Amino acid sequence: MTEPAHRGSAAVGSAYYPTLVAVFTGLVLISNVAATKGVAFGPLLTDGGFLVFPLTYVIGDVLSEVYGFRAARRAVFIGFAMQALAVVVLWTTVRLPGAPDYANQEALATTVAAITGLAIAGLSGFLVGQLVNAWVVVRIKQCTKEQHLWARLLGSTVVGQFADTLVFCAIAAPIIGFGNMGAFALYAALGWVYKTVIEAAMLPVTYRVIATIKRREPTYEPVG
């Protein structure tokens, strides 16, 4: 079954859309677990999620550009739901009776508590940032049609990453250990700049992926 496409987007019934959503969701789960560790490069403060989280915005841009806001929003909600499910399963696992020789109950409980706090931060920032990102891509596309792809990709990145980073860092900084205002400001600023720079550097790849999917999606209709 496919949903009817309108001009400027493709239907979501092909093999590409579910594949992109699956990769998108996997990256969200991985980055939120990796974010439980605060990382310091000299005076620069970040967390382990920096390794893969920016890629979620690359895929979010592809989904928004090719499939439209509603399809991108669906992917965001799926990622949100799977992260919430992961937290429920982890807490349930902590509460289950341990095997007689299991010696890591305390470490597991501590890790799950950190993951839960960061999951709340990640889910909040992720939901706000990704929805803003998708909305900006689609709104700029309505003005520029098929032209100036770089403008909507970079514009959505700057705005979406700012919203995501601000919300996430406000909740996550005390959990990771960046409790004072100076550490929080540095953590948030570095996260925003880093994610924006990574996505800007990925523009050639994003361009190629978008062009390939548009070309191979039989239901994609360019904006006139």
N, C-alpha and C. Protein backbone atom coordinates (compact mmCIF):
# COMPACT_ATOMS: atom_id res chain seq x y z
N MET A 1 0.85 -1.19 0.00
CA MET A 1 0.00 0.00 0.00
C MET A 1 0.88 1.24 0.00
N THR A 2 0.51 2.25 -0.72
CA THR A 2 1.24 3.51 -0.73
C THR A 2 0.28 4.64 -0.43
N GLU A 3 0.79 5.67 0.17
CA GLU A 3 0.00 6.87 0.37
C GLU A 3 0.15 7.73 -0.87
N PRO A 4 -0.93 8.41 -1.28
CA PRO A 4 -0.83 9.26 -2.47
C PRO A 4 0.18 10.37 -2.26
N ALA A 5 1.03 10.57 -3.26
CA ALA A 5 2.04 11.63 -3.18
C ALA A 5 1.45 12.92 -3.72
N HIS A 6 1.89 14.05 -3.22
CA HIS A 6 1.53 15.33 -3.81
C HIS A 6 2.80 15.93 -4.38
N ARG A 7 2.64 16.95 -5.18
CA ARG A 7 3.79 17.53 -5.86
C ARG A 7 4.79 18.04 -4.84
N GLY A 8 6.07 17.65 -5.05
CA GLY A 8 7.12 18.04 -4.14
C GLY A 8 7.49 16.97 -3.14
N SER A 9 6.83 15.82 -3.18
CA SER A 9 7.18 14.73 -2.27
C SER A 9 6.80 13.40 -2.90
N ALA A 10 7.33 12.33 -2.31
CA ALA A 10 7.04 10.98 -2.79
C ALA A 10 6.15 10.25 -1.78
N ALA A 11 5.50 9.20 -2.24
CA ALA A 11 4.74 8.34 -1.34
C ALA A 11 5.70 7.51 -0.50
N VAL A 12 5.23 7.01 0.62
CA VAL A 12 6.12 6.32 1.57
C VAL A 12 6.09 4.80 1.40
N GLY A 13 5.49 4.30 0.33
CA GLY A 13 5.32 2.86 0.21
C GLY A 13 6.48 2.11 -0.41
N SER A 14 7.55 2.80 -0.82
CA SER A 14 8.67 2.11 -1.46
C SER A 14 9.62 1.54 -0.41
N ALA A 15 10.66 0.88 -0.86
CA ALA A 15 11.63 0.28 0.05
C ALA A 15 12.50 1.33 0.72
N TYR A 16 12.64 2.50 0.13
CA TYR A 16 13.57 3.49 0.67
C TYR A 16 13.09 4.08 1.99
N TYR A 17 11.82 4.41 2.07
CA TYR A 17 11.32 5.06 3.28
C TYR A 17 11.49 4.21 4.53
N PRO A 18 11.02 2.96 4.57
CA PRO A 18 11.22 2.17 5.79
C PRO A 18 12.69 1.92 6.12
N THR A 19 13.53 1.83 5.09
CA THR A 19 14.97 1.65 5.35
C THR A 19 15.55 2.88 6.04
N LEU A 20 15.20 4.06 5.55
CA LEU A 20 15.67 5.29 6.17
C LEU A 20 15.15 5.43 7.60
N VAL A 21 13.89 5.07 7.83
CA VAL A 21 13.32 5.15 9.17
C VAL A 21 14.03 4.19 10.12
N ALA A 22 14.36 2.98 9.63
CA ALA A 22 15.05 1.99 10.46
C ALA A 22 16.43 2.50 10.87
N VAL A 23 17.19 3.06 9.91
CA VAL A 23 18.52 3.59 10.23
C VAL A 23 18.39 4.77 11.17
N PHE A 24 17.44 5.64 10.91
CA PHE A 24 17.17 6.81 11.75
C PHE A 24 16.91 6.40 13.20
N THR A 25 16.04 5.40 13.40
CA THR A 25 15.70 4.94 14.74
C THR A 25 16.90 4.30 15.43
N GLY A 26 17.67 3.50 14.69
CA GLY A 26 18.85 2.88 15.26
C GLY A 26 19.86 3.90 15.73
N LEU A 27 20.07 4.95 14.96
CA LEU A 27 21.02 6.00 15.35
C LEU A 27 20.56 6.74 16.59
N VAL A 28 19.25 6.95 16.70
CA VAL A 28 18.71 7.61 17.89
C VAL A 28 18.99 6.78 19.14
N LEU A 29 18.74 5.47 19.06
CA LEU A 29 18.95 4.60 20.21
C LEU A 29 20.43 4.54 20.59
N ILE A 30 21.29 4.39 19.60
CA ILE A 30 22.73 4.30 19.86
C ILE A 30 23.26 5.59 20.48
N SER A 31 22.86 6.72 19.93
CA SER A 31 23.39 7.99 20.42
C SER A 31 22.93 8.29 21.84
N ASN A 32 21.71 7.90 22.20
CA ASN A 32 21.23 8.17 23.55
C ASN A 32 21.92 7.30 24.59
N VAL A 33 22.34 6.09 24.22
CA VAL A 33 23.12 5.27 25.14
C VAL A 33 24.53 5.83 25.27
N ALA A 34 25.13 6.19 24.13
CA ALA A 34 26.50 6.74 24.15
C ALA A 34 26.57 8.05 24.92
N ALA A 35 25.46 8.79 24.95
CA ALA A 35 25.45 10.10 25.61
C ALA A 35 25.52 10.00 27.13
N THR A 36 25.46 8.79 27.70
CA THR A 36 25.54 8.66 29.16
C THR A 36 26.93 9.01 29.69
N LYS A 37 27.92 9.08 28.81
CA LYS A 37 29.27 9.44 29.26
C LYS A 37 29.60 10.87 28.84
N GLY A 38 29.93 11.70 29.82
CA GLY A 38 30.46 13.02 29.51
C GLY A 38 31.88 12.90 29.01
N VAL A 39 32.21 13.66 27.99
CA VAL A 39 33.53 13.58 27.35
C VAL A 39 34.16 14.97 27.36
N ALA A 40 35.44 15.02 27.70
CA ALA A 40 36.17 16.30 27.71
C ALA A 40 37.38 16.21 26.82
N PHE A 41 37.46 17.12 25.84
CA PHE A 41 38.65 17.29 25.02
C PHE A 41 39.32 18.59 25.47
N GLY A 42 40.16 18.46 26.50
CA GLY A 42 40.71 19.67 27.10
C GLY A 42 39.58 20.46 27.74
N PRO A 43 39.42 21.73 27.37
CA PRO A 43 38.34 22.54 27.94
C PRO A 43 36.99 22.32 27.26
N LEU A 44 36.95 21.57 26.18
CA LEU A 44 35.72 21.37 25.42
C LEU A 44 34.93 20.20 26.00
N LEU A 45 33.65 20.43 26.31
CA LEU A 45 32.82 19.44 26.96
C LEU A 45 31.73 18.95 26.02
N THR A 46 31.56 17.63 25.93
CA THR A 46 30.51 17.05 25.11
C THR A 46 30.12 15.71 25.72
N ASP A 47 29.44 14.87 24.96
CA ASP A 47 29.09 13.53 25.43
C ASP A 47 29.30 12.54 24.30
N GLY A 48 29.24 11.24 24.63
CA GLY A 48 29.54 10.21 23.64
C GLY A 48 28.59 10.17 22.46
N GLY A 49 27.42 10.80 22.59
CA GLY A 49 26.47 10.81 21.48
C GLY A 49 26.94 11.59 20.28
N PHE A 50 28.00 12.41 20.46
CA PHE A 50 28.48 13.24 19.35
C PHE A 50 28.96 12.39 18.17
N LEU A 51 29.27 11.12 18.42
CA LEU A 51 29.82 10.27 17.36
C LEU A 51 28.82 10.01 16.24
N VAL A 52 27.54 9.82 16.57
CA VAL A 52 26.58 9.46 15.52
C VAL A 52 25.34 10.34 15.49
N PHE A 53 25.05 11.11 16.56
CA PHE A 53 23.78 11.83 16.58
C PHE A 53 23.59 12.80 15.42
N PRO A 54 24.62 13.53 14.97
CA PRO A 54 24.39 14.44 13.84
C PRO A 54 23.84 13.74 12.59
N LEU A 55 24.11 12.44 12.47
CA LEU A 55 23.61 11.73 11.29
C LEU A 55 22.09 11.61 11.29
N THR A 56 21.47 11.70 12.48
CA THR A 56 20.00 11.65 12.51
C THR A 56 19.41 12.86 11.79
N TYR A 57 20.11 13.99 11.84
CA TYR A 57 19.62 15.18 11.15
C TYR A 57 19.84 15.08 9.65
N VAL A 58 20.90 14.41 9.24
CA VAL A 58 21.12 14.18 7.81
C VAL A 58 19.97 13.35 7.26
N ILE A 59 19.63 12.25 7.95
CA ILE A 59 18.53 11.41 7.48
C ILE A 59 17.21 12.15 7.60
N GLY A 60 17.05 12.95 8.66
CA GLY A 60 15.83 13.75 8.78
C GLY A 60 15.66 14.70 7.63
N ASP A 61 16.75 15.30 7.15
CA ASP A 61 16.69 16.18 5.98
C ASP A 61 16.27 15.42 4.73
N VAL A 62 16.82 14.22 4.56
CA VAL A 62 16.46 13.41 3.40
C VAL A 62 14.97 13.08 3.43
N LEU A 63 14.48 12.65 4.59
CA LEU A 63 13.06 12.30 4.73
C LEU A 63 12.17 13.51 4.44
N SER A 64 12.54 14.67 4.98
CA SER A 64 11.73 15.87 4.79
C SER A 64 11.73 16.33 3.34
N GLU A 65 12.91 16.31 2.72
CA GLU A 65 13.05 16.78 1.35
C GLU A 65 12.34 15.88 0.36
N VAL A 66 12.42 14.57 0.55
CA VAL A 66 11.87 13.63 -0.43
C VAL A 66 10.42 13.28 -0.13
N TYR A 67 10.08 13.10 1.15
CA TYR A 67 8.77 12.56 1.50
C TYR A 67 7.83 13.56 2.15
N GLY A 68 8.33 14.73 2.54
CA GLY A 68 7.46 15.76 3.11
C GLY A 68 7.40 15.73 4.62
N PHE A 69 6.74 16.75 5.18
CA PHE A 69 6.72 16.93 6.62
C PHE A 69 6.01 15.80 7.35
N ARG A 70 4.87 15.36 6.85
CA ARG A 70 4.11 14.33 7.56
C ARG A 70 4.90 13.03 7.65
N ALA A 71 5.58 12.66 6.57
CA ALA A 71 6.37 11.43 6.58
C ALA A 71 7.57 11.56 7.51
N ALA A 72 8.21 12.73 7.52
CA ALA A 72 9.34 12.96 8.42
C ALA A 72 8.86 12.95 9.87
N ARG A 73 7.72 13.55 10.12
CA ARG A 73 7.16 13.57 11.47
C ARG A 73 6.85 12.15 11.95
N ARG A 74 6.37 11.31 11.05
CA ARG A 74 6.11 9.92 11.41
C ARG A 74 7.39 9.22 11.86
N ALA A 75 8.48 9.46 11.13
CA ALA A 75 9.77 8.86 11.50
C ALA A 75 10.22 9.34 12.88
N VAL A 76 10.02 10.64 13.16
CA VAL A 76 10.38 11.18 14.47
C VAL A 76 9.59 10.50 15.57
N PHE A 77 8.30 10.33 15.35
CA PHE A 77 7.45 9.69 16.37
C PHE A 77 7.84 8.23 16.57
N ILE A 78 8.22 7.54 15.49
CA ILE A 78 8.67 6.15 15.63
C ILE A 78 9.95 6.10 16.47
N GLY A 79 10.90 6.96 16.16
CA GLY A 79 12.13 7.01 16.95
C GLY A 79 11.84 7.35 18.40
N PHE A 80 10.92 8.28 18.63
CA PHE A 80 10.51 8.65 19.99
C PHE A 80 9.93 7.45 20.72
N ALA A 81 9.04 6.73 20.06
CA ALA A 81 8.37 5.59 20.69
C ALA A 81 9.36 4.47 21.01
N MET A 82 10.30 4.20 20.12
CA MET A 82 11.26 3.12 20.36
C MET A 82 12.22 3.47 21.49
N GLN A 83 12.60 4.74 21.60
CA GLN A 83 13.45 5.15 22.72
C GLN A 83 12.69 5.00 24.04
N ALA A 84 11.42 5.38 24.05
CA ALA A 84 10.61 5.22 25.25
C ALA A 84 10.46 3.75 25.60
N LEU A 85 10.26 2.90 24.60
CA LEU A 85 10.15 1.46 24.84
C LEU A 85 11.45 0.91 25.41
N ALA A 86 12.59 1.38 24.90
CA ALA A 86 13.89 0.92 25.41
C ALA A 86 14.02 1.23 26.90
N VAL A 87 13.60 2.42 27.32
CA VAL A 87 13.68 2.79 28.73
C VAL A 87 12.79 1.88 29.58
N VAL A 88 11.57 1.61 29.11
CA VAL A 88 10.66 0.73 29.85
C VAL A 88 11.26 -0.66 30.00
N VAL A 89 11.82 -1.20 28.92
CA VAL A 89 12.40 -2.54 28.96
C VAL A 89 13.61 -2.58 29.90
N LEU A 90 14.45 -1.55 29.86
CA LEU A 90 15.62 -1.51 30.74
C LEU A 90 15.22 -1.44 32.21
N TRP A 91 14.22 -0.62 32.54
CA TRP A 91 13.78 -0.52 33.92
C TRP A 91 13.13 -1.83 34.38
N THR A 92 12.40 -2.47 33.48
CA THR A 92 11.80 -3.76 33.81
C THR A 92 12.89 -4.79 34.09
N THR A 93 13.95 -4.75 33.29
CA THR A 93 15.08 -5.68 33.47
C THR A 93 15.75 -5.46 34.82
N VAL A 94 15.90 -4.21 35.23
CA VAL A 94 16.49 -3.91 36.54
C VAL A 94 15.65 -4.50 37.66
N ARG A 95 14.33 -4.44 37.52
CA ARG A 95 13.43 -4.91 38.57
C ARG A 95 13.29 -6.43 38.62
N LEU A 96 13.64 -7.11 37.55
CA LEU A 96 13.51 -8.57 37.53
C LEU A 96 14.51 -9.20 38.51
N PRO A 97 14.13 -10.33 39.13
CA PRO A 97 15.07 -11.00 40.04
C PRO A 97 16.31 -11.50 39.30
N GLY A 98 17.49 -11.22 39.87
CA GLY A 98 18.73 -11.61 39.23
C GLY A 98 19.05 -13.08 39.44
N ALA A 99 19.81 -13.62 38.51
CA ALA A 99 20.30 -14.99 38.66
C ALA A 99 21.24 -15.06 39.87
N PRO A 100 21.39 -16.24 40.49
CA PRO A 100 22.22 -16.36 41.71
C PRO A 100 23.64 -15.83 41.55
N ASP A 101 24.24 -16.00 40.39
CA ASP A 101 25.63 -15.58 40.20
C ASP A 101 25.76 -14.23 39.51
N TYR A 102 24.64 -13.52 39.31
CA TYR A 102 24.72 -12.23 38.63
C TYR A 102 25.24 -11.17 39.60
N ALA A 103 26.36 -10.53 39.27
CA ALA A 103 27.02 -9.61 40.20
C ALA A 103 26.99 -8.15 39.76
N ASN A 104 26.22 -7.82 38.72
CA ASN A 104 26.28 -6.47 38.16
C ASN A 104 24.98 -5.69 38.35
N GLN A 105 24.17 -6.09 39.34
CA GLN A 105 22.88 -5.43 39.54
C GLN A 105 23.02 -3.94 39.83
N GLU A 106 23.94 -3.59 40.72
CA GLU A 106 24.12 -2.18 41.08
C GLU A 106 24.62 -1.36 39.90
N ALA A 107 25.58 -1.91 39.17
CA ALA A 107 26.10 -1.20 37.99
C ALA A 107 25.01 -1.03 36.93
N LEU A 108 24.20 -2.08 36.75
CA LEU A 108 23.12 -1.99 35.77
C LEU A 108 22.11 -0.94 36.18
N ALA A 109 21.73 -0.91 37.46
CA ALA A 109 20.76 0.07 37.93
C ALA A 109 21.28 1.49 37.76
N THR A 110 22.56 1.70 38.06
CA THR A 110 23.15 3.03 37.89
C THR A 110 23.16 3.45 36.43
N THR A 111 23.53 2.52 35.55
CA THR A 111 23.57 2.82 34.12
C THR A 111 22.19 3.12 33.57
N VAL A 112 21.21 2.31 33.98
CA VAL A 112 19.84 2.50 33.49
C VAL A 112 19.28 3.83 33.99
N ALA A 113 19.61 4.21 35.23
CA ALA A 113 19.15 5.50 35.75
C ALA A 113 19.71 6.65 34.91
N ALA A 114 20.99 6.55 34.54
CA ALA A 114 21.59 7.59 33.70
C ALA A 114 20.96 7.60 32.31
N ILE A 115 20.76 6.39 31.75
CA ILE A 115 20.15 6.30 30.43
C ILE A 115 18.75 6.88 30.44
N THR A 116 18.01 6.65 31.55
CA THR A 116 16.65 7.15 31.64
C THR A 116 16.63 8.68 31.64
N GLY A 117 17.49 9.28 32.45
CA GLY A 117 17.55 10.74 32.48
C GLY A 117 17.93 11.33 31.14
N LEU A 118 18.91 10.70 30.50
CA LEU A 118 19.34 11.19 29.19
C LEU A 118 18.31 10.88 28.12
N ALA A 119 17.57 9.79 28.30
CA ALA A 119 16.50 9.48 27.35
C ALA A 119 15.42 10.55 27.40
N ILE A 120 15.09 11.00 28.62
CA ILE A 120 14.11 12.08 28.75
C ILE A 120 14.63 13.35 28.07
N ALA A 121 15.91 13.65 28.33
CA ALA A 121 16.52 14.82 27.67
C ALA A 121 16.55 14.63 26.16
N GLY A 122 16.98 13.43 25.73
CA GLY A 122 17.08 13.15 24.31
C GLY A 122 15.74 13.17 23.61
N LEU A 123 14.73 12.57 24.26
CA LEU A 123 13.40 12.54 23.66
C LEU A 123 12.83 13.95 23.53
N SER A 124 13.03 14.76 24.57
CA SER A 124 12.51 16.13 24.53
C SER A 124 13.20 16.95 23.44
N GLY A 125 14.54 16.93 23.45
CA GLY A 125 15.28 17.68 22.44
C GLY A 125 15.06 17.15 21.05
N PHE A 126 15.05 15.82 20.94
CA PHE A 126 14.87 15.15 19.66
C PHE A 126 13.52 15.51 19.05
N LEU A 127 12.47 15.43 19.86
CA LEU A 127 11.13 15.72 19.35
C LEU A 127 11.02 17.16 18.88
N VAL A 128 11.49 18.09 19.70
CA VAL A 128 11.43 19.51 19.33
C VAL A 128 12.32 19.79 18.12
N GLY A 129 13.57 19.35 18.19
CA GLY A 129 14.53 19.66 17.13
C GLY A 129 14.18 19.06 15.79
N GLN A 130 13.80 17.80 15.79
CA GLN A 130 13.50 17.14 14.52
C GLN A 130 12.23 17.69 13.88
N LEU A 131 11.23 18.00 14.68
CA LEU A 131 10.01 18.58 14.11
C LEU A 131 10.28 19.97 13.55
N VAL A 132 11.08 20.77 14.26
CA VAL A 132 11.45 22.08 13.75
C VAL A 132 12.28 21.93 12.48
N ASN A 133 13.22 20.99 12.48
CA ASN A 133 14.07 20.73 11.31
C ASN A 133 13.22 20.39 10.08
N ALA A 134 12.29 19.45 10.26
CA ALA A 134 11.44 19.02 9.13
C ALA A 134 10.56 20.16 8.65
N TRP A 135 10.01 20.93 9.58
CA TRP A 135 9.12 22.03 9.21
C TRP A 135 9.88 23.09 8.40
N VAL A 136 11.10 23.41 8.84
CA VAL A 136 11.89 24.43 8.14
C VAL A 136 12.24 23.97 6.73
N VAL A 137 12.65 22.69 6.57
CA VAL A 137 12.96 22.17 5.23
C VAL A 137 11.77 22.34 4.30
N VAL A 138 10.60 21.94 4.77
CA VAL A 138 9.40 21.98 3.92
C VAL A 138 8.98 23.41 3.63
N ARG A 139 9.06 24.29 4.63
CA ARG A 139 8.65 25.68 4.41
C ARG A 139 9.56 26.38 3.42
N ILE A 140 10.86 26.17 3.55
CA ILE A 140 11.79 26.80 2.60
C ILE A 140 11.59 26.22 1.20
N LYS A 141 11.29 24.93 1.13
CA LYS A 141 11.07 24.31 -0.18
C LYS A 141 9.84 24.90 -0.87
N GLN A 142 8.83 25.25 -0.09
CA GLN A 142 7.64 25.87 -0.68
C GLN A 142 7.98 27.20 -1.35
N CYS A 143 9.02 27.85 -0.83
CA CYS A 143 9.44 29.14 -1.40
C CYS A 143 10.44 28.99 -2.53
N THR A 144 11.34 28.02 -2.40
CA THR A 144 12.43 27.88 -3.38
C THR A 144 12.18 26.81 -4.43
N LYS A 145 11.08 26.05 -4.27
CA LYS A 145 10.77 24.92 -5.16
C LYS A 145 11.92 23.91 -5.11
N GLU A 146 12.39 23.47 -6.27
CA GLU A 146 13.48 22.49 -6.30
C GLU A 146 14.87 23.14 -6.25
N GLN A 147 14.90 24.47 -6.24
CA GLN A 147 16.17 25.19 -6.26
C GLN A 147 16.70 25.39 -4.83
N HIS A 148 18.01 25.69 -4.74
CA HIS A 148 18.64 26.09 -3.48
C HIS A 148 18.46 25.07 -2.37
N LEU A 149 18.73 23.80 -2.69
CA LEU A 149 18.64 22.75 -1.68
C LEU A 149 19.55 23.06 -0.49
N TRP A 150 20.73 23.62 -0.76
CA TRP A 150 21.68 23.92 0.31
C TRP A 150 21.06 24.86 1.35
N ALA A 151 20.21 25.80 0.89
CA ALA A 151 19.63 26.78 1.80
C ALA A 151 18.68 26.10 2.79
N ARG A 152 17.86 25.18 2.31
CA ARG A 152 16.93 24.54 3.24
C ARG A 152 17.63 23.52 4.13
N LEU A 153 18.68 22.88 3.61
CA LEU A 153 19.40 21.92 4.46
C LEU A 153 20.17 22.65 5.56
N LEU A 154 20.89 23.70 5.21
CA LEU A 154 21.64 24.44 6.22
C LEU A 154 20.72 25.24 7.14
N GLY A 155 19.69 25.85 6.56
CA GLY A 155 18.76 26.63 7.38
C GLY A 155 18.05 25.77 8.41
N SER A 156 17.62 24.60 7.99
CA SER A 156 16.94 23.70 8.93
C SER A 156 17.89 23.18 9.98
N THR A 157 19.15 22.97 9.59
CA THR A 157 20.15 22.49 10.55
C THR A 157 20.40 23.51 11.65
N VAL A 158 20.62 24.75 11.27
CA VAL A 158 20.92 25.79 12.24
C VAL A 158 19.78 25.93 13.24
N VAL A 159 18.55 25.98 12.75
CA VAL A 159 17.40 26.20 13.63
C VAL A 159 17.07 24.93 14.42
N GLY A 160 17.01 23.79 13.72
CA GLY A 160 16.65 22.54 14.39
C GLY A 160 17.68 22.11 15.42
N GLN A 161 18.96 22.21 15.08
CA GLN A 161 20.00 21.82 16.01
C GLN A 161 20.04 22.74 17.22
N PHE A 162 19.76 24.01 17.02
CA PHE A 162 19.73 24.94 18.15
C PHE A 162 18.63 24.54 19.13
N ALA A 163 17.43 24.28 18.61
CA ALA A 163 16.31 23.88 19.47
C ALA A 163 16.61 22.57 20.19
N ASP A 164 17.09 21.60 19.45
CA ASP A 164 17.42 20.28 20.02
C ASP A 164 18.48 20.41 21.10
N THR A 165 19.59 21.08 20.78
CA THR A 165 20.71 21.18 21.70
C THR A 165 20.34 21.92 22.97
N LEU A 166 19.59 23.00 22.84
CA LEU A 166 19.21 23.78 24.02
C LEU A 166 18.35 22.96 24.97
N VAL A 167 17.34 22.27 24.42
CA VAL A 167 16.45 21.46 25.26
C VAL A 167 17.21 20.30 25.87
N PHE A 168 17.98 19.57 25.04
CA PHE A 168 18.71 18.41 25.53
C PHE A 168 19.71 18.78 26.62
N CYS A 169 20.51 19.79 26.37
CA CYS A 169 21.57 20.16 27.31
C CYS A 169 21.01 20.69 28.62
N ALA A 170 19.89 21.38 28.57
CA ALA A 170 19.29 21.90 29.79
C ALA A 170 18.93 20.78 30.76
N ILE A 171 18.52 19.62 30.22
CA ILE A 171 18.15 18.48 31.05
C ILE A 171 19.35 17.59 31.33
N ALA A 172 20.20 17.39 30.32
CA ALA A 172 21.28 16.39 30.42
C ALA A 172 22.50 16.88 31.16
N ALA A 173 22.78 18.18 31.13
CA ALA A 173 24.04 18.69 31.71
C ALA A 173 24.24 18.27 33.17
N PRO A 174 23.23 18.43 34.04
CA PRO A 174 23.44 18.01 35.43
C PRO A 174 23.64 16.50 35.58
N ILE A 175 23.02 15.71 34.72
CA ILE A 175 23.14 14.26 34.80
C ILE A 175 24.55 13.82 34.44
N ILE A 176 25.11 14.44 33.40
CA ILE A 176 26.44 14.06 32.93
C ILE A 176 27.53 14.60 33.86
N GLY A 177 27.23 15.70 34.54
CA GLY A 177 28.21 16.27 35.45
C GLY A 177 28.63 17.67 35.08
N PHE A 178 27.89 18.31 34.16
CA PHE A 178 28.17 19.68 33.77
C PHE A 178 27.14 20.59 34.45
N GLY A 179 27.22 20.68 35.77
CA GLY A 179 26.15 21.31 36.54
C GLY A 179 26.17 22.82 36.61
N ASN A 180 27.35 23.44 36.56
CA ASN A 180 27.36 24.91 36.69
C ASN A 180 27.05 25.59 35.37
N MET A 181 26.69 26.86 35.45
CA MET A 181 26.22 27.58 34.26
C MET A 181 27.29 27.69 33.19
N GLY A 182 28.55 27.88 33.60
CA GLY A 182 29.62 27.99 32.61
C GLY A 182 29.80 26.70 31.83
N ALA A 183 29.78 25.56 32.55
CA ALA A 183 29.92 24.26 31.88
C ALA A 183 28.74 24.00 30.98
N PHE A 184 27.53 24.36 31.45
CA PHE A 184 26.34 24.17 30.63
C PHE A 184 26.42 24.98 29.34
N ALA A 185 26.80 26.25 29.45
CA ALA A 185 26.88 27.11 28.28
C ALA A 185 27.90 26.58 27.27
N LEU A 186 29.05 26.13 27.78
CA LEU A 186 30.08 25.59 26.89
C LEU A 186 29.60 24.30 26.24
N TYR A 187 28.97 23.43 27.02
CA TYR A 187 28.44 22.16 26.52
C TYR A 187 27.41 22.39 25.42
N ALA A 188 26.46 23.31 25.66
CA ALA A 188 25.41 23.58 24.69
C ALA A 188 25.98 24.23 23.42
N ALA A 189 26.87 25.22 23.61
CA ALA A 189 27.43 25.92 22.45
C ALA A 189 28.26 24.98 21.59
N LEU A 190 29.09 24.17 22.24
CA LEU A 190 29.92 23.23 21.48
C LEU A 190 29.05 22.23 20.74
N GLY A 191 28.01 21.71 21.42
CA GLY A 191 27.13 20.75 20.77
C GLY A 191 26.45 21.32 19.54
N TRP A 192 25.96 22.56 19.66
CA TRP A 192 25.27 23.19 18.53
C TRP A 192 26.23 23.43 17.37
N VAL A 193 27.39 23.99 17.66
CA VAL A 193 28.36 24.27 16.60
C VAL A 193 28.84 22.98 15.95
N TYR A 194 29.17 21.99 16.77
CA TYR A 194 29.69 20.73 16.23
C TYR A 194 28.67 20.06 15.31
N LYS A 195 27.43 19.94 15.77
CA LYS A 195 26.40 19.27 14.96
C LYS A 195 26.15 20.02 13.66
N THR A 196 26.15 21.35 13.74
CA THR A 196 25.93 22.15 12.53
C THR A 196 27.08 21.99 11.55
N VAL A 197 28.30 21.99 12.06
CA VAL A 197 29.48 21.83 11.19
C VAL A 197 29.49 20.46 10.54
N ILE A 198 29.17 19.42 11.30
CA ILE A 198 29.15 18.06 10.75
C ILE A 198 28.12 17.94 9.65
N GLU A 199 26.93 18.48 9.88
CA GLU A 199 25.91 18.37 8.84
C GLU A 199 26.28 19.20 7.61
N ALA A 200 26.93 20.35 7.82
CA ALA A 200 27.40 21.14 6.68
C ALA A 200 28.45 20.36 5.90
N ALA A 201 29.35 19.69 6.61
CA ALA A 201 30.38 18.89 5.94
C ALA A 201 29.78 17.72 5.20
N MET A 202 28.63 17.24 5.67
CA MET A 202 27.96 16.10 5.04
C MET A 202 27.08 16.50 3.85
N LEU A 203 27.01 17.80 3.55
CA LEU A 203 26.12 18.26 2.49
C LEU A 203 26.34 17.53 1.15
N PRO A 204 27.58 17.34 0.70
CA PRO A 204 27.75 16.63 -0.58
C PRO A 204 27.13 15.22 -0.56
N VAL A 205 27.28 14.53 0.57
CA VAL A 205 26.68 13.20 0.70
C VAL A 205 25.17 13.30 0.72
N THR A 206 24.65 14.26 1.49
CA THR A 206 23.20 14.44 1.59
C THR A 206 22.61 14.77 0.22
N TYR A 207 23.28 15.65 -0.52
CA TYR A 207 22.84 15.99 -1.88
C TYR A 207 22.72 14.74 -2.74
N ARG A 208 23.77 13.91 -2.70
CA ARG A 208 23.81 12.72 -3.55
C ARG A 208 22.70 11.73 -3.17
N VAL A 209 22.50 11.55 -1.87
CA VAL A 209 21.46 10.62 -1.41
C VAL A 209 20.08 11.12 -1.83
N ILE A 210 19.82 12.40 -1.62
CA ILE A 210 18.53 12.97 -2.00
C ILE A 210 18.30 12.85 -3.50
N ALA A 211 19.31 13.18 -4.29
CA ALA A 211 19.17 13.10 -5.75
C ALA A 211 18.90 11.67 -6.19
N THR A 212 19.60 10.71 -5.58
CA THR A 212 19.43 9.31 -5.96
C THR A 212 18.02 8.82 -5.62
N ILE A 213 17.55 9.14 -4.43
CA ILE A 213 16.22 8.67 -4.02
C ILE A 213 15.14 9.35 -4.85
N LYS A 214 15.28 10.65 -5.11
CA LYS A 214 14.30 11.33 -5.95
C LYS A 214 14.23 10.69 -7.34
N ARG A 215 15.39 10.34 -7.87
CA ARG A 215 15.44 9.76 -9.21
C ARG A 215 14.82 8.37 -9.25
N ARG A 216 14.99 7.61 -8.17
CA ARG A 216 14.51 6.23 -8.14
C ARG A 216 13.11 6.06 -7.57
N GLU A 217 12.60 7.10 -6.94
CA GLU A 217 11.25 7.03 -6.41
C GLU A 217 10.25 7.32 -7.52
N PRO A 218 9.49 6.31 -7.94
CA PRO A 218 8.57 6.53 -9.07
C PRO A 218 7.44 7.51 -8.75
N THR A 219 7.15 7.71 -7.46
CA THR A 219 6.03 8.60 -7.11
C THR A 219 6.46 10.03 -6.82
N TYR A 220 7.78 10.30 -6.89
CA TYR A 220 8.22 11.66 -6.57
C TYR A 220 7.86 12.61 -7.71
N GLU A 221 7.22 13.72 -7.36
CA GLU A 221 6.86 14.75 -8.33
C GLU A 221 7.52 16.07 -7.92
N PRO A 222 8.45 16.58 -8.73
CA PRO A 222 9.11 17.84 -8.39
C PRO A 222 8.13 18.98 -8.25
N VAL A 223 8.47 19.95 -7.41
CA VAL A 223 7.66 21.14 -7.28
C VAL A 223 7.78 21.96 -8.54
N GLY A 224 6.65 22.39 -9.08
CA GLY A 224 6.66 23.15 -10.31
C GLY A 224 7.06 24.60 -10.12
